[in-house]
Amino acid sequence: MQTLTTIKNKLLSREALKTKLAEWRSAGETIVFTNGCFDILHRGHVEYLAQAADLGDKLIIGLNTDASVKRLKGESRPVNDEKSRALLLSALQFVDAVVFFDEDTPYELIKQVQPDILVKGNDYKPEEIVGYDIVTAKGGKVLTIDLVEGFSTTNIIKRL
């Protein structure tokens, strides 16, 4: 039961995240942030997140709530509920924290986190990434990572 507890301890409220961030910053750790729906966890997600984790010391994932996913992707989504999606992401050894956000974008969460590095897939241009202004204003980096060709939740659902 110890492993499951370790996994669940990565699921943080915004308040608990503040405490973790203070600990990590006082230890001089580089904070990497990314976000998404991560509805059906697949190879593309794992490769993307592993590469994001390699950019710093701590990887925080902002995870859209079910209500947020529905607004963005439509009534048939998400396929997996937010608790399931969060648990799967937290089980990845290179993920340090998963935090929900209910808004359509993670702007307020990024404002709270103040990451050193903000990461998204290369289907975005860095200057178009939500939070670019926050991160670059403090001297941080906004980076993109190549996506794995042929792997997307939408494509997986279409094949079903």
Protein backbone atom coordinates (compact mmCIF):
# COMPACT_ATOMS: atom_id res chain seq x y z
CA MET A 1 0.00 0.00 0.00
CA GLN A 2 3.04 2.26 0.33
CA THR A 3 3.39 2.71 -3.45
CA LEU A 4 -0.24 3.78 -3.88
CA THR A 5 0.15 6.30 -1.07
CA THR A 6 3.25 7.73 -2.76
CA ILE A 7 1.30 8.07 -6.01
CA LYS A 8 -1.71 9.72 -4.33
CA ASN A 9 0.58 12.15 -2.48
CA LYS A 10 1.50 13.68 -5.84
CA LEU A 11 -2.12 14.85 -6.28
CA LEU A 12 -1.97 18.33 -4.82
CA SER A 13 -4.49 21.05 -4.09
CA ARG A 14 -3.41 24.53 -5.07
CA GLU A 15 -2.79 25.27 -1.38
CA ALA A 16 -0.60 22.17 -0.92
CA LEU A 17 1.23 23.08 -4.12
CA LYS A 18 2.33 26.38 -2.54
CA THR A 19 4.09 24.47 0.25
CA LYS A 20 5.80 22.07 -2.19
CA LEU A 21 6.92 24.93 -4.43
CA ALA A 22 8.47 26.71 -1.44
CA GLU A 23 10.35 23.50 -0.49
CA TRP A 24 11.58 22.90 -4.02
CA ARG A 25 12.62 26.51 -4.57
CA SER A 26 14.52 26.65 -1.28
CA ALA A 27 16.43 23.56 -2.46
CA GLY A 28 17.28 25.39 -5.71
CA GLU A 29 15.27 23.01 -7.90
CA THR A 30 14.20 23.95 -11.43
CA ILE A 31 10.41 23.81 -11.83
CA VAL A 32 8.96 22.59 -15.14
CA PHE A 33 5.24 23.02 -15.86
CA THR A 34 3.01 21.60 -18.54
CA ASN A 35 -0.71 21.08 -18.82
CA GLY A 36 -3.37 19.18 -20.69
CA CYS A 37 -6.39 16.90 -20.61
CA PHE A 38 -4.44 13.62 -20.86
CA ASP A 39 -7.75 11.86 -21.46
CA ILE A 40 -6.46 8.51 -22.69
CA LEU A 41 -2.85 8.21 -21.56
CA HIS A 42 -0.80 6.92 -24.50
CA ARG A 43 2.76 6.60 -25.79
CA GLY A 44 2.79 10.17 -27.11
CA HIS A 45 1.92 11.52 -23.66
CA VAL A 46 4.57 9.42 -21.92
CA GLU A 47 7.35 10.42 -24.33
CA TYR A 48 6.34 14.09 -24.18
CA LEU A 49 6.15 14.14 -20.37
CA ALA A 50 9.43 12.25 -19.96
CA GLN A 51 11.18 14.81 -22.17
CA ALA A 52 9.56 17.65 -20.24
CA ALA A 53 10.76 16.14 -16.94
CA ASP A 54 14.33 16.03 -18.29
CA LEU A 55 14.31 19.82 -18.66
CA GLY A 56 14.40 20.44 -14.91
CA ASP A 57 14.23 18.93 -11.44
CA LYS A 58 10.48 18.89 -10.73
CA LEU A 59 7.63 18.34 -13.20
CA ILE A 60 4.22 19.77 -12.39
CA ILE A 61 1.23 18.88 -14.55
CA GLY A 62 -1.80 21.16 -14.66
CA LEU A 63 -4.72 18.83 -15.40
CA ASN A 64 -8.03 20.02 -16.84
CA THR A 65 -11.02 19.05 -14.70
CA ASP A 66 -13.84 17.07 -16.29
CA ALA A 67 -15.92 20.24 -16.69
CA SER A 68 -13.04 22.01 -18.40
CA VAL A 69 -12.45 19.08 -20.79
CA LYS A 70 -16.16 19.02 -21.71
CA ARG A 71 -16.08 22.72 -22.58
CA LEU A 72 -12.94 22.29 -24.69
CA LYS A 73 -13.53 18.91 -26.34
CA GLY A 74 -17.31 18.43 -26.32
CA GLU A 75 -19.96 16.53 -24.39
CA SER A 76 -18.54 13.07 -25.17
CA ARG A 77 -15.29 13.88 -23.37
CA PRO A 78 -13.50 13.14 -21.21
CA VAL A 79 -13.43 9.39 -21.69
CA ASN A 80 -11.72 8.95 -18.31
CA ASP A 81 -12.80 10.98 -15.27
CA GLU A 82 -10.44 13.49 -13.66
CA LYS A 83 -9.55 11.30 -10.68
CA SER A 84 -8.55 8.43 -12.99
CA ARG A 85 -6.53 10.70 -15.26
CA ALA A 86 -4.77 12.28 -12.27
CA LEU A 87 -3.91 8.92 -10.72
CA LEU A 88 -2.44 7.59 -13.98
CA LEU A 89 -0.28 10.69 -14.43
CA SER A 90 0.84 10.57 -10.79
CA ALA A 91 1.93 6.95 -11.24
CA LEU A 92 4.60 8.06 -13.71
CA GLN A 93 7.89 8.13 -11.81
CA PHE A 94 9.05 11.39 -13.40
CA VAL A 95 5.91 13.35 -12.44
CA ASP A 96 6.25 15.24 -9.16
CA ALA A 97 2.84 16.89 -8.85
CA VAL A 98 -0.56 16.92 -10.54
CA VAL A 99 -2.88 19.87 -9.89
CA PHE A 100 -6.38 20.39 -11.30
CA PHE A 101 -7.54 23.56 -12.97
CA ASP A 102 -11.17 24.20 -13.89
CA GLU A 103 -10.67 27.19 -16.17
CA ASP A 104 -10.38 26.84 -19.95
CA THR A 105 -6.69 27.72 -19.73
CA PRO A 106 -4.09 27.21 -16.99
CA TYR A 107 -3.19 30.92 -16.89
CA GLU A 108 -4.05 31.45 -13.20
CA LEU A 109 -2.30 28.22 -12.22
CA ILE A 110 0.83 29.24 -14.15
CA LYS A 111 0.67 32.60 -12.39
CA GLN A 112 0.69 30.72 -9.07
CA VAL A 113 3.40 28.20 -10.02
CA GLN A 114 5.77 30.72 -11.67
CA PRO A 115 7.64 27.88 -13.40
CA ASP A 116 11.21 28.22 -14.56
CA ILE A 117 10.31 26.31 -17.71
CA LEU A 118 6.91 26.13 -19.42
CA VAL A 119 6.49 23.30 -21.93
CA LYS A 120 3.92 22.37 -24.59
CA GLY A 121 3.94 20.26 -27.73
CA ASN A 122 5.40 21.68 -30.92
CA ASP A 123 1.92 22.12 -32.36
CA TYR A 124 2.20 25.49 -30.55
CA LYS A 125 4.57 28.37 -31.20
CA PRO A 126 6.24 29.37 -27.90
CA GLU A 127 4.89 32.94 -27.97
CA GLU A 128 1.32 31.59 -28.42
CA ILE A 129 1.49 29.33 -25.35
CA VAL A 130 -0.74 30.40 -22.47
CA GLY A 131 1.53 31.75 -19.72
CA TYR A 132 4.34 32.79 -22.08
CA ASP A 133 4.13 36.35 -20.74
CA ILE A 134 4.34 35.20 -17.11
CA VAL A 135 7.33 32.90 -17.58
CA THR A 136 9.38 35.13 -19.87
CA ALA A 137 8.79 38.19 -17.66
CA LYS A 138 10.68 36.45 -14.84
CA GLY A 139 13.46 35.23 -17.13
CA GLY A 140 12.14 31.69 -17.57
CA LYS A 141 11.99 29.63 -20.74
CA VAL A 142 9.01 28.56 -22.85
CA LEU A 143 9.87 25.47 -24.87
CA THR A 144 8.14 23.07 -27.22
CA ILE A 145 8.69 19.34 -27.56
CA ASP A 146 8.19 17.29 -30.72
CA LEU A 147 5.01 15.24 -30.65
CA VAL A 148 5.06 11.52 -31.45
CA GLU A 149 3.57 11.13 -34.93
CA GLY A 150 0.27 9.26 -35.02
CA PHE A 151 -0.45 9.38 -31.29
CA SER A 152 -3.28 11.57 -30.08
CA THR A 153 -6.32 10.90 -27.92
CA THR A 154 -8.61 12.22 -30.64
CA ASN A 155 -7.11 9.82 -33.21
CA ILE A 156 -7.40 6.90 -30.79
CA ILE A 157 -11.08 7.67 -30.19
CA LYS A 158 -11.74 7.96 -33.94
CA ARG A 159 -10.33 4.46 -34.49
CA LEU A 160 -12.76 2.93 -31.96
